[in-house]
Protein backbone atom coordinates (compact mmCIF):
# COMPACT_ATOMS: atom_id res chain seq x y z
CA UNK A 1 65.63 -113.51 61.56
CA UNK A 2 63.52 -116.00 59.45
CA UNK A 3 64.38 -115.96 55.75
CA UNK A 4 61.66 -114.85 53.57
CA UNK A 5 60.40 -117.12 50.84
CA UNK A 6 59.26 -116.28 47.38
CA UNK A 7 55.56 -116.41 48.22
CA UNK A 8 55.73 -114.64 51.55
CA UNK A 9 53.90 -111.28 51.90
CA UNK A 10 56.16 -108.22 52.19
CA UNK A 11 56.45 -107.03 55.71
CA UNK A 12 56.13 -103.42 56.84
CA UNK A 13 56.52 -101.89 60.45
CA UNK A 14 54.79 -99.01 61.83
CA UNK A 15 56.11 -97.10 64.81
CA UNK A 16 53.42 -94.78 65.89
CA UNK A 17 50.63 -93.92 68.39
CA UNK A 18 47.37 -95.66 68.71
CA UNK A 19 44.20 -93.60 67.70
CA UNK A 20 41.21 -94.78 69.67
CA UNK A 21 38.99 -93.33 67.01
CA UNK A 22 40.46 -95.48 64.36
CA UNK A 23 41.14 -92.83 61.70
CA UNK A 24 44.84 -92.23 62.17
CA UNK A 25 48.00 -93.76 63.67
CA UNK A 26 48.51 -97.36 64.03
CA UNK A 27 44.95 -98.25 63.06
CA UNK A 28 45.26 -96.37 59.80
CA UNK A 29 48.68 -97.77 59.03
CA UNK A 30 47.49 -101.34 59.40
CA UNK A 31 44.62 -100.80 57.15
CA UNK A 32 46.72 -99.23 54.59
CA UNK A 33 49.28 -102.10 54.76
CA UNK A 34 46.53 -104.64 54.37
CA UNK A 35 44.98 -102.72 51.42
CA UNK A 36 48.38 -102.84 49.76
CA UNK A 37 48.76 -106.65 50.35
CA UNK A 38 51.56 -106.02 52.90
CA UNK A 39 51.60 -107.81 56.43
CA UNK A 40 51.65 -105.03 58.98
CA UNK A 41 53.70 -105.19 62.27
CA UNK A 42 53.75 -102.44 64.96
CA UNK A 43 55.57 -100.73 67.77
CA UNK A 44 53.27 -98.39 69.64
CA UNK A 45 54.70 -95.25 71.02
CA UNK A 46 51.70 -93.71 72.78
CA UNK A 47 47.98 -94.50 73.72
CA UNK A 48 45.75 -91.67 72.89
CA UNK A 49 42.06 -90.95 73.83
CA UNK A 50 40.59 -89.31 70.75
CA UNK A 51 38.07 -89.09 67.95
CA UNK A 52 38.39 -87.32 64.66
CA UNK A 53 37.10 -84.00 66.57
CA UNK A 54 40.19 -83.99 68.91
CA UNK A 55 42.58 -85.41 71.38
CA UNK A 56 41.61 -85.52 75.16
CA UNK A 57 44.56 -87.40 76.57
CA UNK A 58 48.01 -88.87 75.63
CA UNK A 59 49.82 -91.65 77.45
CA UNK A 60 53.39 -92.26 76.05
CA UNK A 61 54.95 -95.71 76.20
CA UNK A 62 58.25 -96.04 77.98
CA UNK A 63 61.09 -95.55 75.55
CA UNK A 64 62.83 -98.98 76.21
CA UNK A 65 59.53 -100.80 75.57
CA UNK A 66 58.98 -98.96 72.23
CA UNK A 67 62.32 -100.33 71.06
CA UNK A 68 61.74 -103.78 72.50
CA UNK A 69 58.47 -104.04 70.34
CA UNK A 70 60.45 -103.23 67.21
CA UNK A 71 63.37 -105.52 68.03
CA UNK A 72 61.02 -108.44 68.68
CA UNK A 73 59.60 -107.90 65.15
CA UNK A 74 62.96 -107.58 63.53
CA UNK A 75 64.04 -110.81 65.33
CA UNK A 76 61.37 -112.87 63.32
CA UNK A 77 60.29 -110.88 60.26
CA UNK A 78 62.30 -109.63 57.25
CA UNK A 79 61.07 -106.14 57.47
CA UNK A 80 61.13 -104.56 53.97
CA UNK A 81 60.19 -100.79 55.00
CA UNK A 82 58.94 -99.01 58.04
CA UNK A 83 57.25 -95.77 58.88
CA UNK A 84 57.19 -93.51 61.93
CA UNK A 85 54.34 -91.51 63.01
CA UNK A 86 53.61 -89.95 66.47
CA UNK A 87 56.93 -90.00 68.42
CA UNK A 88 55.80 -88.35 71.74
CA UNK A 89 59.16 -87.25 73.27
CA UNK A 90 62.81 -86.97 72.83
CA UNK A 91 63.40 -90.25 74.84
CA UNK A 92 61.17 -92.17 72.32
CA UNK A 93 62.82 -90.53 69.34
CA UNK A 94 66.37 -91.56 70.71
CA UNK A 95 65.13 -95.13 71.27
CA UNK A 96 63.65 -95.30 67.69
CA UNK A 97 66.82 -93.83 66.33
CA UNK A 98 68.98 -96.50 68.07
CA UNK A 99 66.83 -99.25 66.51
CA UNK A 100 67.31 -97.88 62.98
CA UNK A 101 71.09 -97.31 63.41
CA UNK A 102 71.10 -101.13 64.34
CA UNK A 103 68.92 -102.04 61.27
CA UNK A 104 70.11 -99.89 58.52
CA UNK A 105 68.68 -102.44 55.91
CA UNK A 106 65.25 -101.11 56.68
CA UNK A 107 63.89 -98.26 54.58
CA UNK A 108 62.50 -95.67 56.67
CA UNK A 109 59.67 -93.21 55.87
CA UNK A 110 59.42 -90.70 58.49
CA UNK A 111 56.32 -88.66 59.03
CA UNK A 112 57.32 -85.85 61.36
CA UNK A 113 54.24 -85.66 63.30
CA UNK A 114 54.79 -82.21 65.00
CA UNK A 115 51.94 -79.85 64.14
CA UNK A 116 48.26 -80.45 64.56
CA UNK A 117 45.71 -79.23 62.04
CA UNK A 118 44.87 -76.66 64.76
CA UNK A 119 48.37 -75.40 64.54
CA UNK A 120 49.19 -76.62 67.93
CA UNK A 121 52.65 -78.08 68.45
CA UNK A 122 52.55 -81.76 69.31
CA UNK A 123 56.16 -82.32 70.46
CA UNK A 124 58.53 -79.76 72.35
CA UNK A 125 61.58 -77.99 70.98
CA UNK A 126 64.04 -80.65 72.50
CA UNK A 127 62.21 -83.47 70.67
CA UNK A 128 62.35 -81.51 67.41
CA UNK A 129 66.00 -81.07 67.83
CA UNK A 130 66.69 -84.93 68.38
CA UNK A 131 64.40 -85.62 65.53
CA UNK A 132 66.71 -83.53 63.33
CA UNK A 133 69.91 -84.76 64.60
CA UNK A 134 69.27 -88.39 65.14
CA UNK A 135 66.41 -89.86 63.24
CA UNK A 136 66.04 -87.81 60.00
CA UNK A 137 69.60 -88.67 58.92
CA UNK A 138 68.47 -92.44 58.98
CA UNK A 139 65.37 -91.85 56.77
CA UNK A 140 64.98 -92.76 53.10
CA UNK A 141 62.16 -90.12 53.00
CA UNK A 142 60.78 -87.44 55.20
CA UNK A 143 57.15 -86.33 54.52
CA UNK A 144 56.35 -83.04 56.34
CA UNK A 145 53.36 -80.92 55.77
CA UNK A 146 53.95 -77.20 55.08
CA UNK A 147 53.77 -76.35 58.93
CA UNK A 148 56.15 -79.05 59.78
CA UNK A 149 58.48 -78.07 57.05
CA UNK A 150 58.71 -74.51 58.33
CA UNK A 151 59.65 -75.89 61.88
CA UNK A 152 62.35 -78.10 60.35
CA UNK A 153 63.78 -75.29 58.47
CA UNK A 154 63.37 -72.75 61.17
CA UNK A 155 61.73 -70.31 58.83
CA UNK A 156 58.38 -69.33 57.20
CA UNK A 157 57.62 -69.84 53.52
CA UNK A 158 56.90 -66.22 52.27
CA UNK A 159 54.68 -67.52 49.45
CA UNK A 160 52.03 -69.30 51.82
CA UNK A 161 48.64 -67.83 51.56
CA UNK A 162 49.05 -66.69 48.07
CA UNK A 163 46.49 -68.56 45.99
CA UNK A 164 48.43 -67.83 42.75
CA UNK A 165 51.69 -69.20 44.19
CA UNK A 166 54.35 -69.64 41.50
CA UNK A 167 55.38 -73.29 41.55
CA UNK A 168 59.06 -72.06 41.28
CA UNK A 169 58.68 -70.95 44.88
CA UNK A 170 57.30 -74.29 45.85
CA UNK A 171 60.12 -76.13 44.08
CA UNK A 172 62.81 -73.86 45.67
CA UNK A 173 61.35 -74.44 49.16
CA UNK A 174 61.27 -78.21 48.54
CA UNK A 175 64.76 -78.22 47.37
CA UNK A 176 66.02 -76.04 50.32
CA UNK A 177 64.13 -78.40 52.83
CA UNK A 178 65.83 -81.48 51.17
CA UNK A 179 69.18 -79.96 51.37
CA UNK A 180 68.91 -78.83 54.93
CA UNK A 181 67.83 -82.36 55.96
CA UNK A 182 70.14 -84.25 53.71
CA UNK A 183 67.59 -86.69 52.72
CA UNK A 184 64.81 -86.85 50.18
CA UNK A 185 61.70 -85.04 51.29
CA UNK A 186 58.03 -85.00 50.31
CA UNK A 187 56.70 -81.44 50.72
CA UNK A 188 52.95 -81.94 51.20
CA UNK A 189 50.90 -79.15 49.86
CA UNK A 190 47.50 -80.04 51.62
CA UNK A 191 47.85 -77.13 54.16
CA UNK A 192 48.16 -74.52 51.49
CA UNK A 193 45.59 -72.55 49.56
CA UNK A 194 44.10 -72.91 46.09
CA UNK A 195 41.94 -75.55 44.11
CA UNK A 196 44.92 -77.73 43.34
CA UNK A 197 47.32 -79.37 45.69
CA UNK A 198 51.03 -79.85 44.69
CA UNK A 199 52.96 -82.44 46.56
CA UNK A 200 56.65 -81.96 45.80
CA UNK A 201 59.26 -84.72 46.06
CA UNK A 202 62.79 -83.22 46.24
CA UNK A 203 66.04 -84.78 46.28
CA UNK A 204 68.99 -83.15 47.97
CA UNK A 205 72.13 -82.07 46.02
CA UNK A 206 73.91 -85.01 47.62
CA UNK A 207 71.52 -87.33 46.03
CA UNK A 208 71.79 -85.63 42.72
CA UNK A 209 68.94 -83.00 43.04
CA UNK A 210 65.70 -83.09 40.92
CA UNK A 211 62.16 -82.49 41.91
CA UNK A 212 58.99 -84.49 41.09
CA UNK A 213 55.57 -82.57 41.24
CA UNK A 214 52.30 -84.43 41.79
CA UNK A 215 49.21 -82.56 41.19
CA UNK A 216 45.74 -83.35 42.41
CA UNK A 217 42.54 -81.29 43.04
CA UNK A 218 41.55 -80.24 46.51
CA UNK A 219 38.57 -82.16 47.73
CA UNK A 220 36.24 -80.44 50.13
CA UNK A 221 33.76 -81.88 52.59
CA UNK A 222 35.71 -85.17 53.47
CA UNK A 223 37.18 -85.46 56.84
CA UNK A 224 40.95 -85.93 56.22
CA UNK A 225 41.89 -86.96 59.67
CA UNK A 226 44.72 -89.54 59.26
CA UNK A 227 45.54 -88.53 55.73
CA UNK A 228 49.21 -87.96 56.55
CA UNK A 229 49.48 -91.32 58.45
CA UNK A 230 47.82 -93.07 55.50
CA UNK A 231 50.17 -91.48 52.80
CA UNK A 232 53.38 -92.42 54.71
CA UNK A 233 52.07 -95.87 55.37
CA UNK A 234 51.11 -96.23 51.63
CA UNK A 235 54.78 -95.10 50.67
CA UNK A 236 56.25 -97.66 53.03
CA UNK A 237 53.86 -100.28 51.85
CA UNK A 238 54.98 -99.64 48.31
CA UNK A 239 58.70 -99.90 49.24
CA UNK A 240 58.36 -103.09 51.38
CA UNK A 241 58.42 -105.53 48.42
CA UNK A 242 61.13 -103.67 46.50
CA UNK A 243 64.59 -105.31 46.54
CA UNK A 244 67.20 -103.61 48.71
CA UNK A 245 69.18 -102.99 45.56
CA UNK A 246 66.52 -100.80 44.02
CA UNK A 247 67.36 -97.76 42.08
CA UNK A 248 66.76 -95.04 44.77
CA UNK A 249 65.21 -92.20 42.71
CA UNK A 250 63.04 -94.15 40.33
CA UNK A 251 61.60 -96.57 42.89
CA UNK A 252 61.02 -93.94 45.62
CA UNK A 253 59.28 -91.55 43.04
CA UNK A 254 57.07 -94.40 41.95
CA UNK A 255 56.32 -95.34 45.49
CA UNK A 256 55.27 -91.75 46.29
CA UNK A 257 53.33 -91.31 43.21
CA UNK A 258 51.33 -94.56 43.74
CA UNK A 259 50.76 -93.48 47.53
CA UNK A 260 49.63 -90.06 46.57
CA UNK A 261 47.14 -91.51 44.04
CA UNK A 262 45.89 -93.99 46.82
CA UNK A 263 45.23 -91.22 49.39
CA UNK A 264 43.58 -88.99 46.73
CA UNK A 265 41.28 -91.76 45.68
CA UNK A 266 40.36 -92.50 49.24
CA UNK A 267 39.44 -88.75 49.69
CA UNK A 268 37.39 -88.63 46.54
CA UNK A 269 35.50 -91.76 47.51
CA UNK A 270 34.90 -91.51 51.19
CA UNK A 271 33.17 -94.00 53.64
CA UNK A 272 30.17 -92.58 55.52
CA UNK A 273 30.47 -93.31 59.13
CA UNK A 274 28.11 -91.82 61.89
CA UNK A 275 27.11 -89.12 59.51
CA UNK A 276 30.78 -88.06 58.59
CA UNK A 277 32.80 -88.84 55.46
CA UNK A 278 36.23 -90.37 56.15
CA UNK A 279 39.03 -91.47 53.78
CA UNK A 280 38.37 -94.91 52.42
CA UNK A 281 41.12 -97.54 52.63
CA UNK A 282 40.92 -99.07 49.13
CA UNK A 283 42.05 -102.38 47.88
CA UNK A 284 44.82 -101.76 45.27
């Protein structure tokens, strides 16, 4: 591995699928890394034929080739942080877990891409099980939306659908999720109801507990396709330049808060493309 110099850009790695429409996946991750002044590297897990309206085809990359892409990046660059997105099957998840087991120095932000906005499952039960058992324990942070959190917990949140939800319910659910996974979890509230969204960063009891709430208004009429990819990439970008000796809670909470602000700003000031309004990838 080449040693990083003081004036080198921080390096982040994204292990995710390619979005031919450019709004999510590898494409969104690289835009986000660049906007944060971070050099982006990639390991592509799948090719997709899609646009913001939907996906028509998915072509997974062989698992061994996914790992080889990541290994070649690690052989040359000092990777400060990484994120995962779409991991199409159990074999790819195992290959990615093998990579991070061999590179424990890389801080991993895991976006468990399992449930589409339509509610359709994107990976099968075997892949979910492997994700839980092999990859999540290696993560510095997991960033599920409400639907994905319910799958990971194996139970429904009884408070969902209640626009007057007591924040204690959200807090308890986030704590339960973090404890079940054994790693910090960011429970994203965008799939809930109400005029305000609460994203909740929870640390498991094994990490000393505590929750951090981030509140922001729900913004309508902007296409939020790729917002989850962008958020996890922004967190990884904010971690990429932080020393490996960083204080875990303080720096992770700061990285998450900055990333939430970045995505919220992008949604509130969208780009207009072909008559639609998309998240803007802002310079920070």
